[in-house]
C-alpha atoms as a PDB file:
ATOM      1  CA  MET A   1     -10.874 -51.117  13.686  1.00  0.00           C
ATOM      2  CA  GLU A   2     -11.199 -47.651  14.874  1.00  0.00           C
ATOM      3  CA  SER A   3      -7.736 -47.007  15.572  1.00  0.00           C
ATOM      4  CA  THR A   4      -6.475 -48.898  12.684  1.00  0.00           C
ATOM      5  CA  LEU A   5      -8.409 -46.523  10.327  1.00  0.00           C
ATOM      6  CA  LYS A   6      -7.084 -43.524  12.135  1.00  0.00           C
ATOM      7  CA  ARG A   7      -3.526 -44.698  11.003  1.00  0.00           C
ATOM      8  CA  ALA A   8      -4.408 -45.129   8.049  1.00  0.00           C
ATOM      9  CA  VAL A   9      -5.763 -41.936   7.469  1.00  0.00           C
ATOM     10  CA  ALA A  10      -2.499 -40.519   8.958  1.00  0.00           C
ATOM     11  CA  THR A  11      -0.330 -42.600   6.986  1.00  0.00           C
ATOM     12  CA  LEU A  12      -2.225 -41.160   3.973  1.00  0.00           C
ATOM     13  CA  ALA A  13      -2.121 -37.620   5.159  1.00  0.00           C
ATOM     14  CA  LEU A  14       1.792 -37.615   5.604  1.00  0.00           C
ATOM     15  CA  ALA A  15       2.089 -39.375   2.195  1.00  0.00           C
ATOM     16  CA  ALA A  16      -0.064 -36.494   0.524  1.00  0.00           C
ATOM     17  CA  VAL A  17       2.304 -34.064   2.684  1.00  0.00           C
ATOM     18  CA  ALA A  18       5.546 -35.568   1.176  1.00  0.00           C
ATOM     19  CA  LEU A  19       4.204 -35.752  -2.209  1.00  0.00           C
ATOM     20  CA  CYS A  20       3.358 -31.961  -2.374  1.00  0.00           C
ATOM     21  CA  LEU A  21       7.152 -31.350  -0.760  1.00  0.00           C
ATOM     22  CA  ALA A  22       8.551 -33.849  -3.522  1.00  0.00           C
ATOM     23  CA  THR A  23       6.687 -31.986  -6.271  1.00  0.00           C
ATOM     24  CA  ALA A  24       6.935 -28.526  -5.485  1.00  0.00           C
ATOM     25  CA  GLU A  25       9.176 -26.226  -7.656  1.00  0.00           C
ATOM     26  CA  PRO A  26      11.692 -23.777  -6.460  1.00  0.00           C
ATOM     27  CA  VAL A  27       9.858 -19.778  -6.728  1.00  0.00           C
ATOM     28  CA  SER A  28      11.769 -16.631  -7.252  1.00  0.00           C
ATOM     29  CA  ALA A  29      10.555 -13.070  -7.695  1.00  0.00           C
ATOM     30  CA  THR A  30      12.489  -9.579  -7.260  1.00  0.00           C
ATOM     31  CA  ASP A  31      11.342  -7.140  -4.570  1.00  0.00           C
ATOM     32  CA  SER A  32      10.945  -3.375  -4.527  1.00  0.00           C
ATOM     33  CA  GLU A  33      14.665  -2.600  -4.058  1.00  0.00           C
ATOM     34  CA  GLY A  34      15.834  -5.023  -6.784  1.00  0.00           C
ATOM     35  CA  ARG A  35      16.967  -7.937  -4.545  1.00  0.00           C
ATOM     36  CA  PRO A  36      15.865 -11.534  -5.427  1.00  0.00           C
ATOM     37  CA  LEU A  37      14.286 -13.843  -3.009  1.00  0.00           C
ATOM     38  CA  SER A  38      14.256 -17.451  -4.031  1.00  0.00           C
ATOM     39  CA  LEU A  39      12.591 -20.310  -2.054  1.00  0.00           C
ATOM     40  CA  THR A  40      12.426 -23.658  -2.433  1.00  0.00           C
ATOM     41  CA  ALA A  41       8.782 -23.858  -2.667  1.00  0.00           C
ATOM     42  CA  PRO A  42       6.021 -21.545  -2.769  1.00  0.00           C
ATOM     43  CA  ALA A  43       5.323 -19.988   0.925  1.00  0.00           C
ATOM     44  CA  ALA A  44       3.072 -21.521   3.044  1.00  0.00           C
ATOM     45  CA  ARG A  45       3.308 -19.503   5.961  1.00  0.00           C
ATOM     46  CA  VAL A  46       3.994 -15.532   5.341  1.00  0.00           C
ATOM     47  CA  VAL A  47       4.114 -12.283   7.813  1.00  0.00           C
ATOM     48  CA  SER A  48       2.942  -8.995   6.908  1.00  0.00           C
ATOM     49  CA  LEU A  49       4.574  -5.652   8.086  1.00  0.00           C
ATOM     50  CA  SER A  50       2.232  -3.242   6.842  1.00  0.00           C
ATOM     51  CA  PRO A  51      -1.556  -3.066   6.096  1.00  0.00           C
ATOM     52  CA  GLY A  52      -0.994  -2.545   2.274  1.00  0.00           C
ATOM     53  CA  ILE A  53       0.940  -5.475   2.296  1.00  0.00           C
ATOM     54  CA  THR A  54      -1.428  -7.711   3.977  1.00  0.00           C
ATOM     55  CA  GLU A  55      -4.296  -6.299   1.815  1.00  0.00           C
ATOM     56  CA  THR A  56      -2.402  -7.098  -1.370  1.00  0.00           C
ATOM     57  CA  LEU A  57      -1.743 -10.598  -0.301  1.00  0.00           C
ATOM     58  CA  PHE A  58      -5.541 -10.979   0.546  1.00  0.00           C
ATOM     59  CA  ALA A  59      -6.345  -9.629  -2.742  1.00  0.00           C
ATOM     60  CA  ILE A  60      -4.045 -11.774  -5.056  1.00  0.00           C
ATOM     61  CA  GLY A  61      -5.711 -14.918  -3.121  1.00  0.00           C
ATOM     62  CA  ALA A  62      -2.747 -15.592  -0.539  1.00  0.00           C
ATOM     63  CA  GLY A  63      -4.822 -14.848   2.421  1.00  0.00           C
ATOM     64  CA  SER A  64      -4.800 -18.254   3.730  1.00  0.00           C
ATOM     65  CA  ARG A  65      -1.124 -18.243   3.978  1.00  0.00           C
ATOM     66  CA  VAL A  66      -1.118 -14.859   6.030  1.00  0.00           C
ATOM     67  CA  VAL A  67       0.020 -16.132   9.518  1.00  0.00           C
ATOM     68  CA  GLY A  68       0.999 -12.654  11.280  1.00  0.00           C
ATOM     69  CA  VAL A  69       0.176  -9.057  10.681  1.00  0.00           C
ATOM     70  CA  THR A  70       0.040  -5.824  12.421  1.00  0.00           C
ATOM     71  CA  THR A  71      -2.053  -4.015  14.821  1.00  0.00           C
ATOM     72  CA  TYR A  72      -3.017  -1.658  11.786  1.00  0.00           C
ATOM     73  CA  CYS A  73      -4.197  -4.510   9.283  1.00  0.00           C
ATOM     74  CA  ASP A  74      -7.613  -4.220   9.434  1.00  0.00           C
ATOM     75  CA  TRP A  75      -8.728  -5.202   5.597  1.00  0.00           C
ATOM     76  CA  PRO A  76      -9.994  -7.343   4.774  1.00  0.00           C
ATOM     77  CA  VAL A  77     -11.987  -8.324   7.497  1.00  0.00           C
ATOM     78  CA  ALA A  78     -10.452 -11.660   7.867  1.00  0.00           C
ATOM     79  CA  ALA A  79      -7.031  -9.600   8.475  1.00  0.00           C
ATOM     80  CA  LYS A  80      -8.100  -8.657  11.791  1.00  0.00           C
ATOM     81  CA  SER A  81      -8.359 -12.406  13.508  1.00  0.00           C
ATOM     82  CA  ARG A  82      -4.526 -13.164  12.180  1.00  0.00           C
ATOM     83  CA  PRO A  83      -1.853 -12.995  15.050  1.00  0.00           C
ATOM     84  CA  LYS A  84      -0.259  -9.610  15.803  1.00  0.00           C
ATOM     85  CA  VAL A  85       3.618  -9.143  15.583  1.00  0.00           C
ATOM     86  CA  GLY A  86       3.500  -5.396  16.535  1.00  0.00           C
ATOM     87  CA  GLY A  87       2.320  -1.913  15.234  1.00  0.00           C
ATOM     88  CA  PHE A  88       3.427  -0.189  11.766  1.00  0.00           C
ATOM     89  CA  SER A  89       7.001   1.066  13.011  1.00  0.00           C
ATOM     90  CA  ALA A  90      10.083  -1.057  13.445  1.00  0.00           C
ATOM     91  CA  SER A  91      10.101   0.078  17.148  1.00  0.00           C
ATOM     92  CA  THR A  92       7.013  -1.709  17.779  1.00  0.00           C
ATOM     93  CA  ILE A  93       7.407  -4.777  15.984  1.00  0.00           C
ATOM     94  CA  SER A  94       8.530  -7.915  17.823  1.00  0.00           C
ATOM     95  CA  VAL A  95      11.606 -10.057  16.181  1.00  0.00           C
ATOM     96  CA  GLU A  96      10.483 -12.968  18.746  1.00  0.00           C
ATOM     97  CA  LYS A  97       6.555 -13.124  17.557  1.00  0.00           C
ATOM     98  CA  ILE A  98       7.799 -13.022  14.041  1.00  0.00           C
ATOM     99  CA  VAL A  99      10.263 -16.001  14.486  1.00  0.00           C
ATOM    100  CA  ALA A 100       7.631 -18.137  16.868  1.00  0.00           C
ATOM    101  CA  LEU A 101       4.969 -18.084  13.786  1.00  0.00           C
ATOM    102  CA  LYS A 102       7.893 -20.041  11.634  1.00  0.00           C
ATOM    103  CA  PRO A 103       7.271 -17.845   8.420  1.00  0.00           C
ATOM    104  CA  ASP A 104       8.810 -18.903   5.219  1.00  0.00           C
ATOM    105  CA  PHE A 105       9.566 -15.239   4.370  1.00  0.00           C
ATOM    106  CA  VAL A 106       8.644 -12.053   5.866  1.00  0.00           C
ATOM    107  CA  ILE A 107       7.463  -8.951   4.041  1.00  0.00           C
ATOM    108  CA  GLY A 108       8.210  -5.255   5.072  1.00  0.00           C
ATOM    109  CA  SER A 109       8.226  -2.144   3.593  1.00  0.00           C
ATOM    110  CA  GLY A 110      12.014  -1.135   3.467  1.00  0.00           C
ATOM    111  CA  ASN A 111      13.491   1.769   5.267  1.00  0.00           C
ATOM    112  CA  ILE A 112      10.534   2.007   7.468  1.00  0.00           C
ATOM    113  CA  HIS A 113      11.104  -1.697   8.617  1.00  0.00           C
ATOM    114  CA  ARG A 114      14.950  -1.905   7.842  1.00  0.00           C
ATOM    115  CA  SER A 115      16.217  -2.771  11.475  1.00  0.00           C
ATOM    116  CA  VAL A 116      13.454  -5.522  11.587  1.00  0.00           C
ATOM    117  CA  GLU A 117      14.725  -6.857   8.117  1.00  0.00           C
ATOM    118  CA  GLU A 118      17.998  -6.874   9.161  1.00  0.00           C
ATOM    119  CA  ALA A 119      17.454  -8.830  12.319  1.00  0.00           C
ATOM    120  CA  LEU A 120      15.486 -11.436  10.512  1.00  0.00           C
ATOM    121  CA  VAL A 121      18.203 -11.884   7.699  1.00  0.00           C
ATOM    122  CA  ARG A 122      20.634 -12.492  10.559  1.00  0.00           C
ATOM    123  CA  LEU A 123      18.141 -15.295  12.139  1.00  0.00           C
ATOM    124  CA  GLY A 124      18.064 -16.889   8.629  1.00  0.00           C
ATOM    125  CA  ILE A 125      14.509 -15.915   7.743  1.00  0.00           C
ATOM    126  CA  PRO A 126      14.230 -14.591   4.309  1.00  0.00           C
ATOM    127  CA  VAL A 127      12.705 -11.354   3.806  1.00  0.00           C
ATOM    128  CA  PHE A 128      10.871  -9.467   0.696  1.00  0.00           C
ATOM    129  CA  THR A 129      10.502  -5.564   0.256  1.00  0.00           C
ATOM    130  CA  TYR A 130       7.498  -4.146  -0.622  1.00  0.00           C
ATOM    131  CA  ALA A 131       7.703  -0.614  -1.298  1.00  0.00           C
ATOM    132  CA  PRO A 132       6.169   0.196  -4.712  1.00  0.00           C
ATOM    133  CA  SER A 133       5.640   4.018  -5.716  1.00  0.00           C
ATOM    134  CA  GLY A 134       3.771   4.188  -9.296  1.00  0.00           C
ATOM    135  CA  PHE A 135       1.069   2.364 -10.374  1.00  0.00           C
ATOM    136  CA  GLU A 136       2.962  -0.236 -12.685  1.00  0.00           C
ATOM    137  CA  GLU A 137       5.692  -0.850  -9.656  1.00  0.00           C
ATOM    138  CA  ILE A 138       2.644  -1.531  -7.223  1.00  0.00           C
ATOM    139  CA  ALA A 139       1.382  -4.373 -10.097  1.00  0.00           C
ATOM    140  CA  ARG A 140       4.998  -5.438 -10.606  1.00  0.00           C
ATOM    141  CA  ASP A 141       5.338  -6.014  -7.018  1.00  0.00           C
ATOM    142  CA  MET A 142       1.866  -7.431  -6.595  1.00  0.00           C
ATOM    143  CA  LYS A 143       2.810  -9.994  -9.422  1.00  0.00           C
ATOM    144  CA  ALA A 144       6.116 -10.907  -7.597  1.00  0.00           C
ATOM    145  CA  LEU A 145       4.328 -11.783  -3.902  1.00  0.00           C
ATOM    146  CA  GLY A 146       1.991 -14.181  -6.744  1.00  0.00           C
ATOM    147  CA  ALA A 147       5.093 -16.091  -7.695  1.00  0.00           C
ATOM    148  CA  LEU A 148       6.352 -16.493  -4.294  1.00  0.00           C
ATOM    149  CA  THR A 149       2.733 -17.494  -2.895  1.00  0.00           C
ATOM    150  CA  ASP A 150       1.571 -19.854  -5.737  1.00  0.00           C
ATOM    151  CA  SER A 151      -1.091 -16.753  -6.366  1.00  0.00           C
ATOM    152  CA  ALA A 152       0.411 -16.074  -9.802  1.00  0.00           C
ATOM    153  CA  ARG A 153      -3.143 -16.353 -11.353  1.00  0.00           C
ATOM    154  CA  GLY A 154      -4.960 -13.953  -8.728  1.00  0.00           C
ATOM    155  CA  ALA A 155      -2.155 -11.380  -8.989  1.00  0.00           C
ATOM    156  CA  GLU A 156      -2.195 -10.935 -12.414  1.00  0.00           C
ATOM    157  CA  ALA A 157      -5.658 -10.941 -12.522  1.00  0.00           C
ATOM    158  CA  ALA A 158      -5.739  -8.148  -9.103  1.00  0.00           C
ATOM    159  CA  ALA A 159      -3.182  -6.138 -10.795  1.00  0.00           C
ATOM    160  CA  ASP A 160      -4.707  -5.999 -14.388  1.00  0.00           C
ATOM    161  CA  SER A 161      -8.018  -4.823 -12.795  1.00  0.00           C
ATOM    162  CA  MET A 162      -6.345  -2.011 -10.771  1.00  0.00           C
ATOM    163  CA  LEU A 163      -4.716  -1.182 -13.850  1.00  0.00           C
ATOM    164  CA  ALA A 164      -7.924  -0.816 -15.804  1.00  0.00           C
ATOM    165  CA  THR A 165      -9.626   1.086 -13.205  1.00  0.00           C
ATOM    166  CA  ILE A 166      -7.063   4.022 -13.686  1.00  0.00           C
ATOM    167  CA  ALA A 167      -6.986   3.889 -17.392  1.00  0.00           C
ATOM    168  CA  LYS A 168     -10.621   4.604 -17.268  1.00  0.00           C
ATOM    169  CA  VAL A 169     -10.210   7.353 -15.051  1.00  0.00           C
ATOM    170  CA  ARG A 170      -7.470   8.802 -17.322  1.00  0.00           C
ATOM    171  CA  VAL A 171      -9.595   8.306 -20.760  1.00  0.00           C
ATOM    172  CA  ALA A 172     -12.726  10.027 -19.165  1.00  0.00           C
ATOM    173  CA  LEU A 173      -9.692  12.944 -18.538  1.00  0.00           C
ATOM    174  CA  ALA A 174      -7.743  12.628 -21.730  1.00  0.00           C
ATOM    175  CA  ASP A 175      -9.392  15.806 -23.447  1.00  0.00           C
ATOM    176  CA  LEU A 176      -8.423  18.294 -20.627  1.00  0.00           C
ATOM    177  CA  PRO A 177      -5.234  19.933 -21.836  1.00  0.00           C
ATOM    178  CA  ALA A 178      -2.718  20.764 -18.347  1.00  0.00           C
ATOM    179  CA  SER A 179      -3.929  24.494 -18.257  1.00  0.00           C
ATOM    180  CA  ALA A 180      -7.249  23.556 -17.317  1.00  0.00           C
ATOM    181  CA  ARG A 181      -6.593  21.099 -14.777  1.00  0.00           C
ATOM    182  CA  PRO A 182      -6.671  22.436 -10.959  1.00  0.00           C
ATOM    183  CA  THR A 183      -3.409  22.712  -8.437  1.00  0.00           C
ATOM    184  CA  VAL A 184      -3.626  20.568  -5.643  1.00  0.00           C
ATOM    185  CA  PHE A 185      -1.486  20.890  -2.575  1.00  0.00           C
ATOM    186  CA  TRP A 186      -1.401  17.368  -0.921  1.00  0.00           C
ATOM    187  CA  GLU A 187      -0.930  17.535   2.746  1.00  0.00           C
ATOM    188  CA  ILE A 188       0.757  14.562   4.420  1.00  0.00           C
ATOM    189  CA  TYR A 189       1.237  15.845   7.910  1.00  0.00           C
ATOM    190  CA  ASP A 190       0.745  19.681   9.409  1.00  0.00           C
ATOM    191  CA  GLU A 191       3.647  19.598  11.815  1.00  0.00           C
ATOM    192  CA  PRO A 192       5.925  19.447  10.486  1.00  0.00           C
ATOM    193  CA  LEU A 193       4.608  20.172   7.235  1.00  0.00           C
ATOM    194  CA  MET A 194       4.711  17.444   4.637  1.00  0.00           C
ATOM    195  CA  THR A 195       3.750  16.915   1.221  1.00  0.00           C
ATOM    196  CA  CYS A 196       3.520  13.317  -0.589  1.00  0.00           C
ATOM    197  CA  GLY A 197       6.607  13.999  -3.085  1.00  0.00           C
ATOM    198  CA  ALA A 198       7.279  13.075  -6.517  1.00  0.00           C
ATOM    199  CA  ALA A 199       8.233   9.561  -5.771  1.00  0.00           C
ATOM    200  CA  THR A 200       4.937   8.357  -4.010  1.00  0.00           C
ATOM    201  CA  PHE A 201       1.786   6.760  -5.104  1.00  0.00           C
ATOM    202  CA  GLN A 202       0.106   9.425  -3.534  1.00  0.00           C
ATOM    203  CA  HIS A 203       1.501  11.841  -6.036  1.00  0.00           C
ATOM    204  CA  PHE A 204       0.826   9.573  -8.852  1.00  0.00           C
ATOM    205  CA  ILE A 205      -2.569   9.409  -7.759  1.00  0.00           C
ATOM    206  CA  LEU A 206      -3.121  13.057  -7.908  1.00  0.00           C
ATOM    207  CA  GLU A 207      -1.714  13.085 -11.241  1.00  0.00           C
ATOM    208  CA  ALA A 208      -4.245  10.147 -12.576  1.00  0.00           C
ATOM    209  CA  ALA A 209      -6.925  11.620 -10.979  1.00  0.00           C
ATOM    210  CA  GLY A 210      -6.354  14.935 -13.225  1.00  0.00           C
ATOM    211  CA  GLY A 211      -4.571  17.043 -10.575  1.00  0.00           C
ATOM    212  CA  ARG A 212      -1.485  18.961 -11.004  1.00  0.00           C
ATOM    213  CA  ASP A 213       0.546  18.759  -7.786  1.00  0.00           C
ATOM    214  CA  ILE A 214       2.585  21.938  -6.785  1.00  0.00           C
ATOM    215  CA  PHE A 215       5.116  20.185  -5.448  1.00  0.00           C
ATOM    216  CA  ALA A 216       5.913  17.675  -8.520  1.00  0.00           C
ATOM    217  CA  ASP A 217       9.024  19.559  -8.751  1.00  0.00           C
ATOM    218  CA  LEU A 218      10.069  17.973  -5.390  1.00  0.00           C
ATOM    219  CA  PRO A 219      11.854  14.645  -5.804  1.00  0.00           C
ATOM    220  CA  GLY A 220      11.911  11.573  -3.139  1.00  0.00           C
ATOM    221  CA  SER A 221       9.233  10.874  -0.709  1.00  0.00           C
ATOM    222  CA  TRP A 222       7.550  13.015   1.749  1.00  0.00           C
ATOM    223  CA  PRO A 223       9.529  16.133   1.846  1.00  0.00           C
ATOM    224  CA  ARG A 224       9.039  18.957   4.108  1.00  0.00           C
ATOM    225  CA  VAL A 225       7.763  22.065   2.790  1.00  0.00           C
ATOM    226  CA  GLY A 226       7.346  25.569   3.831  1.00  0.00           C
ATOM    227  CA  ALA A 227       4.101  27.199   4.689  1.00  0.00           C
ATOM    228  CA  GLU A 228       5.292  30.285   2.568  1.00  0.00           C
ATOM    229  CA  ASP A 229       6.037  28.077  -0.327  1.00  0.00           C
ATOM    230  CA  VAL A 230       2.449  26.679  -0.253  1.00  0.00           C
ATOM    231  CA  ILE A 231       1.068  30.005   0.152  1.00  0.00           C
ATOM    232  CA  ARG A 232       2.999  31.347  -2.689  1.00  0.00           C
ATOM    233  CA  ARG A 233       2.420  28.548  -5.115  1.00  0.00           C
ATOM    234  CA  ALA A 234      -1.646  29.337  -4.172  1.00  0.00           C
ATOM    235  CA  PRO A 235      -3.338  26.046  -4.925  1.00  0.00           C
ATOM    236  CA  ALA A 236      -6.808  25.620  -5.796  1.00  0.00           C
ATOM    237  CA  TRP A 237      -7.255  22.147  -3.865  1.00  0.00           C
ATOM    238  CA  ILE A 238      -5.715  21.067  -0.652  1.00  0.00           C
ATOM    239  CA  LEU A 239      -6.474  17.432  -0.541  1.00  0.00           C
ATOM    240  CA  GLY A 240      -5.551  14.873   2.358  1.00  0.00           C
ATOM    241  CA  ALA A 241      -6.212  11.348   4.152  1.00  0.00           C
ATOM    242  CA  ASP A 242      -8.955  11.582   6.657  1.00  0.00           C
ATOM    243  CA  ASP A 243      -6.704   9.998   9.247  1.00  0.00           C
ATOM    244  CA  HIS A 244      -5.588  13.751  10.053  1.00  0.00           C
ATOM    245  CA  GLY A 245      -8.835  14.077  12.330  1.00  0.00           C
ATOM    246  CA  ASP A 246      -9.534  17.531  12.973  1.00  0.00           C
ATOM    247  CA  LYS A 247      -5.880  19.233  11.525  1.00  0.00           C
ATOM    248  CA  MET A 248      -7.162  19.479   8.611  1.00  0.00           C
ATOM    249  CA  SER A 249     -10.475  21.463   8.166  1.00  0.00           C
ATOM    250  CA  VAL A 250     -11.177  24.367   6.480  1.00  0.00           C
ATOM    251  CA  ALA A 251     -11.353  26.398   9.728  1.00  0.00           C
ATOM    252  CA  GLN A 252      -8.129  24.742  11.025  1.00  0.00           C
ATOM    253  CA  ILE A 253      -6.325  25.418   8.023  1.00  0.00           C
ATOM    254  CA  ALA A 254      -7.572  29.109   7.400  1.00  0.00           C
ATOM    255  CA  SER A 255      -6.510  29.789  11.148  1.00  0.00           C
ATOM    256  CA  ARG A 256      -2.773  29.172  10.058  1.00  0.00           C
ATOM    257  CA  PRO A 257      -1.062  32.364   9.514  1.00  0.00           C
ATOM    258  CA  GLY A 258      -1.513  33.701   5.709  1.00  0.00           C
ATOM    259  CA  TRP A 259      -3.433  30.709   4.456  1.00  0.00           C
ATOM    260  CA  SER A 260      -6.548  32.359   4.268  1.00  0.00           C
ATOM    261  CA  THR A 261      -5.548  34.079   1.141  1.00  0.00           C
ATOM    262  CA  ILE A 262      -4.558  30.754  -0.937  1.00  0.00           C
ATOM    263  CA  PRO A 263      -7.825  30.085  -3.117  1.00  0.00           C
ATOM    264  CA  ALA A 264      -8.713  26.364  -1.815  1.00  0.00           C
ATOM    265  CA  VAL A 265      -9.018  27.996   1.491  1.00  0.00           C
ATOM    266  CA  ARG A 266     -10.950  30.654   0.538  1.00  0.00           C
ATOM    267  CA  ASP A 267     -13.204  28.822  -1.621  1.00  0.00           C
ATOM    268  CA  GLY A 268     -13.621  25.756   0.900  1.00  0.00           C
ATOM    269  CA  ARG A 269     -12.058  23.211  -1.316  1.00  0.00           C
ATOM    270  CA  VAL A 270     -10.279  21.366   1.413  1.00  0.00           C
ATOM    271  CA  VAL A 271     -11.184  17.795   1.185  1.00  0.00           C
ATOM    272  CA  LEU A 272     -10.306  14.579   3.130  1.00  0.00           C
ATOM    273  CA  VAL A 273     -10.160  11.331   1.141  1.00  0.00           C
ATOM    274  CA  PRO A 274     -10.530   7.716   3.253  1.00  0.00           C
ATOM    275  CA  ALA A 275      -7.091   6.948   4.208  1.00  0.00           C
ATOM    276  CA  ALA A 276      -7.542   2.976   3.463  1.00  0.00           C
ATOM    277  CA  ILE A 277      -7.302   3.878  -0.446  1.00  0.00           C
ATOM    278  CA  VAL A 278      -4.830   6.896  -0.883  1.00  0.00           C
ATOM    279  CA  SER A 279      -2.487   5.915   2.090  1.00  0.00           C
ATOM    280  CA  ARG A 280      -1.636   1.936   1.401  1.00  0.00           C
ATOM    281  CA  PRO A 281       0.203   0.905  -2.170  1.00  0.00           C
ATOM    282  CA  GLY A 282      -1.841  -1.751  -3.066  1.00  0.00           C
ATOM    283  CA  PRO A 283      -4.675  -2.698  -5.247  1.00  0.00           C
ATOM    284  CA  ARG A 284      -7.373   0.048  -3.817  1.00  0.00           C
ATOM    285  CA  VAL A 285      -5.239   2.877  -4.988  1.00  0.00           C
ATOM    286  CA  ALA A 286      -7.343   2.590  -8.004  1.00  0.00           C
ATOM    287  CA  GLU A 287     -10.396   3.332  -5.828  1.00  0.00           C
ATOM    288  CA  GLY A 288      -8.112   6.278  -4.788  1.00  0.00           C
ATOM    289  CA  VAL A 289      -8.110   7.262  -8.071  1.00  0.00           C
ATOM    290  CA  LEU A 290     -11.613   7.424  -8.757  1.00  0.00           C
ATOM    291  CA  ALA A 291     -12.436   9.247  -5.299  1.00  0.00           C
ATOM    292  CA  VAL A 292     -10.006  12.238  -5.923  1.00  0.00           C
ATOM    293  CA  ALA A 293     -11.332  12.502  -9.638  1.00  0.00           C
ATOM    294  CA  MET A 294     -14.955  12.365  -7.952  1.00  0.00           C
ATOM    295  CA  VAL A 295     -13.612  15.297  -5.574  1.00  0.00           C
ATOM    296  CA  LEU A 296     -12.131  17.404  -8.698  1.00  0.00           C
ATOM    297  CA  TYR A 297     -14.733  16.708 -11.532  1.00  0.00           C
ATOM    298  CA  PRO A 298     -17.672  15.777  -9.844  1.00  0.00           C
ATOM    299  CA  GLU A 299     -19.513  16.646 -13.113  1.00  0.00           C
ATOM    300  CA  ARG A 300     -17.864  14.019 -14.937  1.00  0.00           C
ATOM    301  CA  PHE A 301     -17.831  11.430 -12.248  1.00  0.00           C
ATOM    302  CA  LYS A 302     -21.123  10.587 -10.578  1.00  0.00           C
ATOM    303  CA  LYS A 303     -21.461   8.884  -7.173  1.00  0.00           C
END
């Protein structure tokens, strides 16, 4: 009797799976690089190659479909328990581990993961590049991932919430003319000295939070700059992510030749913002905008 019942349950389970497969409809979306990706059915198994991608998948309601992540994927907490395929850079990622997870598609960050993406494509594994810059692009790519993972409603809600929070900050600062907004140097790295560049979401975070990026005239992403240029442009603030450790204290920056004359250094206006909300192109960039606004305009944005 018990064995008959088990066989019946197994038969019903197989029938349910077959029905889902039979009724599933193809899905498609376009990635950050304008390349279309089509699947015969919404993906049930997805591998993420960066923390920002992982958070985005969980935020749109596709967390249960994430079967592989990197060692840096620490948000939300549930992501930490997923199998690891390597670190962030392409050289640390194992294509073999990805293949073993049998993903329906893999999400990478474009140029950073190009060699991995190319290897996967050669093996017949679909790849989606998630490398948005501005807020609208982040929202667009969130919705694209929603379409591919049967999470369209969650993606739309998460994207709309992100954009609404950013809009509130902009409205709160709308009465401030450009001349009244402080100049800011956003430091990405110190050796070599790098800033965000006008094509990065850090630049958009800074501008939305009411700051004036002193290197807004530099196109592209992560340009190197000269210390002399920073000194000459004399920013009122110097900001960066808190994963710099002791590389961005007021004392350390003041010890750089000539930097003690910069208003930001002279007045002690060197501030680190949590890296998780300003270094990952996902829904939490809205928190990054608010955090930077609170630094620049504490009288308008109370903690």
